[in-house]
Amino acid sequence: MEDRARDVSSVSKQSVSQQSISQQSISQSALTRQREGRGAWVLTAYGISGLAVFAVLAYFFSDFIAR
């Protein structure tokens, strides 16, 4: 029985150390957030600008057709 008690305590120590390692990796990944590059923001700005220009052109085209 004494041998089994030692085995159980070593298993519980291993699981505790694995949990602390996983918690450390989670906290490190939360601190190092992946950010988008400048190119993504430029493409977003071009996309929004393109939609605005398309809306203005669609307005004038529909006004032209309505006359």
N, C-alpha and C. Protein backbone atom coordinates (compact mmCIF):
# COMPACT_ATOMS: atom_id res chain seq x y z
N MET A 1 0.82 -1.20 0.00
CA MET A 1 0.00 0.00 0.00
C MET A 1 0.86 1.26 0.00
N GLU A 2 1.97 1.17 0.64
CA GLU A 2 2.84 2.34 0.72
C GLU A 2 3.35 2.73 -0.66
N ASP A 3 3.65 1.72 -1.47
CA ASP A 3 4.14 1.99 -2.82
C ASP A 3 3.07 2.68 -3.67
N ARG A 4 1.83 2.27 -3.54
CA ARG A 4 0.76 2.88 -4.31
C ARG A 4 0.57 4.34 -3.91
N ALA A 5 0.72 4.64 -2.65
CA ALA A 5 0.56 6.02 -2.19
C ALA A 5 1.64 6.91 -2.80
N ARG A 6 2.83 6.39 -2.94
CA ARG A 6 3.90 7.17 -3.56
C ARG A 6 3.58 7.42 -5.04
N ASP A 7 3.07 6.42 -5.73
CA ASP A 7 2.74 6.57 -7.14
C ASP A 7 1.65 7.62 -7.34
N VAL A 8 0.65 7.61 -6.51
CA VAL A 8 -0.43 8.57 -6.62
C VAL A 8 0.08 9.98 -6.38
N SER A 9 0.94 10.15 -5.40
CA SER A 9 1.45 11.50 -5.12
C SER A 9 2.33 11.99 -6.27
N SER A 10 3.10 11.12 -6.90
CA SER A 10 3.93 11.56 -8.03
C SER A 10 3.07 11.92 -9.23
N VAL A 11 1.97 11.20 -9.44
CA VAL A 11 1.07 11.51 -10.54
C VAL A 11 0.40 12.85 -10.31
N SER A 12 -0.02 13.11 -9.08
CA SER A 12 -0.68 14.39 -8.80
C SER A 12 0.30 15.55 -8.94
N LYS A 13 1.56 15.33 -8.58
CA LYS A 13 2.56 16.39 -8.75
C LYS A 13 2.79 16.66 -10.22
N GLN A 14 2.80 15.62 -11.05
CA GLN A 14 3.00 15.81 -12.48
C GLN A 14 1.82 16.57 -13.09
N SER A 15 0.61 16.23 -12.69
CA SER A 15 -0.55 16.92 -13.26
C SER A 15 -0.58 18.38 -12.84
N VAL A 16 -0.15 18.67 -11.62
CA VAL A 16 -0.09 20.06 -11.16
C VAL A 16 0.95 20.83 -11.96
N SER A 17 2.10 20.21 -12.22
CA SER A 17 3.13 20.91 -12.98
C SER A 17 2.68 21.10 -14.43
N GLN A 18 1.96 20.15 -15.02
CA GLN A 18 1.45 20.31 -16.37
C GLN A 18 0.41 21.42 -16.43
N GLN A 19 -0.42 21.53 -15.42
CA GLN A 19 -1.42 22.59 -15.39
C GLN A 19 -0.75 23.95 -15.30
N SER A 20 0.30 24.05 -14.48
CA SER A 20 0.97 25.35 -14.36
C SER A 20 1.66 25.72 -15.65
N ILE A 21 2.20 24.73 -16.37
CA ILE A 21 2.83 25.00 -17.66
C ILE A 21 1.79 25.48 -18.66
N SER A 22 0.63 24.83 -18.69
CA SER A 22 -0.41 25.24 -19.63
C SER A 22 -0.95 26.62 -19.29
N GLN A 23 -1.04 26.95 -18.01
CA GLN A 23 -1.50 28.27 -17.61
C GLN A 23 -0.48 29.33 -18.01
N GLN A 24 0.80 29.02 -17.91
CA GLN A 24 1.84 29.97 -18.31
C GLN A 24 1.78 30.21 -19.81
N SER A 25 1.57 29.15 -20.58
CA SER A 25 1.51 29.32 -22.03
C SER A 25 0.28 30.13 -22.43
N ILE A 26 -0.83 29.94 -21.73
CA ILE A 26 -2.04 30.72 -22.02
C ILE A 26 -1.81 32.19 -21.69
N SER A 27 -1.17 32.46 -20.56
CA SER A 27 -0.95 33.86 -20.19
C SER A 27 0.05 34.52 -21.13
N GLN A 28 1.04 33.78 -21.61
CA GLN A 28 1.99 34.36 -22.55
C GLN A 28 1.33 34.64 -23.89
N SER A 29 0.45 33.75 -24.34
CA SER A 29 -0.23 33.98 -25.61
C SER A 29 -1.19 35.15 -25.49
N ALA A 30 -1.76 35.36 -24.31
CA ALA A 30 -2.65 36.51 -24.13
C ALA A 30 -1.87 37.82 -24.15
N LEU A 31 -0.64 37.79 -23.68
CA LEU A 31 0.18 39.00 -23.66
C LEU A 31 0.71 39.34 -25.05
N THR A 32 1.04 38.34 -25.84
CA THR A 32 1.58 38.57 -27.17
C THR A 32 0.48 38.38 -28.19
N ARG A 33 -0.31 39.42 -28.36
CA ARG A 33 -1.42 39.36 -29.30
C ARG A 33 -0.89 39.60 -30.70
N GLN A 34 -1.43 38.83 -31.64
CA GLN A 34 -1.02 39.01 -33.02
C GLN A 34 -1.78 40.18 -33.60
N ARG A 35 -1.04 41.10 -34.20
CA ARG A 35 -1.66 42.29 -34.77
C ARG A 35 -1.53 42.26 -36.28
N GLU A 36 -2.49 42.91 -36.94
CA GLU A 36 -2.45 42.97 -38.39
C GLU A 36 -1.36 43.95 -38.81
N GLY A 37 -0.83 43.70 -39.97
CA GLY A 37 0.18 44.60 -40.52
C GLY A 37 -0.45 45.83 -41.12
N ARG A 38 0.40 46.71 -41.59
CA ARG A 38 -0.07 47.97 -42.17
C ARG A 38 -0.85 47.71 -43.46
N GLY A 39 -0.46 46.67 -44.18
CA GLY A 39 -1.13 46.35 -45.44
C GLY A 39 -2.60 46.04 -45.27
N ALA A 40 -2.94 45.38 -44.18
CA ALA A 40 -4.35 45.05 -43.96
C ALA A 40 -5.17 46.31 -43.75
N TRP A 41 -4.62 47.27 -43.02
CA TRP A 41 -5.35 48.52 -42.79
C TRP A 41 -5.46 49.34 -44.06
N VAL A 42 -4.43 49.31 -44.90
CA VAL A 42 -4.48 50.04 -46.17
C VAL A 42 -5.55 49.44 -47.07
N LEU A 43 -5.60 48.10 -47.14
CA LEU A 43 -6.63 47.46 -47.95
C LEU A 43 -8.03 47.75 -47.42
N THR A 44 -8.17 47.82 -46.11
CA THR A 44 -9.47 48.16 -45.52
C THR A 44 -9.88 49.57 -45.90
N ALA A 45 -8.93 50.50 -45.84
CA ALA A 45 -9.22 51.89 -46.22
C ALA A 45 -9.60 51.99 -47.69
N TYR A 46 -8.86 51.26 -48.56
CA TYR A 46 -9.21 51.26 -49.98
C TYR A 46 -10.59 50.65 -50.20
N GLY A 47 -10.92 49.63 -49.47
CA GLY A 47 -12.23 49.00 -49.61
C GLY A 47 -13.35 49.94 -49.23
N ILE A 48 -13.20 50.63 -48.11
CA ILE A 48 -14.23 51.58 -47.66
C ILE A 48 -14.33 52.74 -48.64
N SER A 49 -13.20 53.23 -49.11
CA SER A 49 -13.22 54.34 -50.07
C SER A 49 -13.88 53.90 -51.38
N GLY A 50 -13.57 52.69 -51.80
CA GLY A 50 -14.18 52.18 -53.03
C GLY A 50 -15.68 52.05 -52.92
N LEU A 51 -16.16 51.58 -51.77
CA LEU A 51 -17.60 51.49 -51.56
C LEU A 51 -18.26 52.86 -51.57
N ALA A 52 -17.60 53.85 -50.99
CA ALA A 52 -18.15 55.21 -50.98
C ALA A 52 -18.22 55.77 -52.40
N VAL A 53 -17.16 55.58 -53.18
CA VAL A 53 -17.15 56.08 -54.57
C VAL A 53 -18.23 55.36 -55.39
N PHE A 54 -18.36 54.04 -55.18
CA PHE A 54 -19.38 53.29 -55.90
C PHE A 54 -20.78 53.80 -55.54
N ALA A 55 -21.01 54.13 -54.28
CA ALA A 55 -22.32 54.64 -53.86
C ALA A 55 -22.62 55.98 -54.52
N VAL A 56 -21.61 56.85 -54.60
CA VAL A 56 -21.82 58.16 -55.24
C VAL A 56 -22.10 57.98 -56.73
N LEU A 57 -21.33 57.12 -57.38
CA LEU A 57 -21.57 56.88 -58.80
C LEU A 57 -22.94 56.25 -59.04
N ALA A 58 -23.35 55.34 -58.18
CA ALA A 58 -24.67 54.72 -58.33
C ALA A 58 -25.77 55.76 -58.15
N TYR A 59 -25.56 56.70 -57.25
CA TYR A 59 -26.55 57.76 -57.04
C TYR A 59 -26.71 58.61 -58.30
N PHE A 60 -25.58 59.06 -58.86
CA PHE A 60 -25.65 59.90 -60.05
C PHE A 60 -26.20 59.12 -61.25
N PHE A 61 -25.85 57.85 -61.36
CA PHE A 61 -26.36 57.04 -62.47
C PHE A 61 -27.87 56.85 -62.36
N SER A 62 -28.34 56.59 -61.15
CA SER A 62 -29.79 56.42 -60.98
C SER A 62 -30.53 57.74 -61.21
N ASP A 63 -29.90 58.85 -60.85
CA ASP A 63 -30.49 60.16 -61.12
C ASP A 63 -30.56 60.43 -62.61
N PHE A 64 -29.51 60.03 -63.33
CA PHE A 64 -29.46 60.21 -64.78
C PHE A 64 -30.54 59.36 -65.47
N ILE A 65 -30.73 58.12 -65.00
CA ILE A 65 -31.71 57.22 -65.60
C ILE A 65 -33.13 57.71 -65.30
N ALA A 66 -33.33 58.28 -64.15
CA ALA A 66 -34.67 58.72 -63.74
C ALA A 66 -35.18 59.90 -64.55
N ARG A 67 -34.32 60.66 -65.18
CA ARG A 67 -34.77 61.84 -65.94
C ARG A 67 -35.36 61.48 -67.24
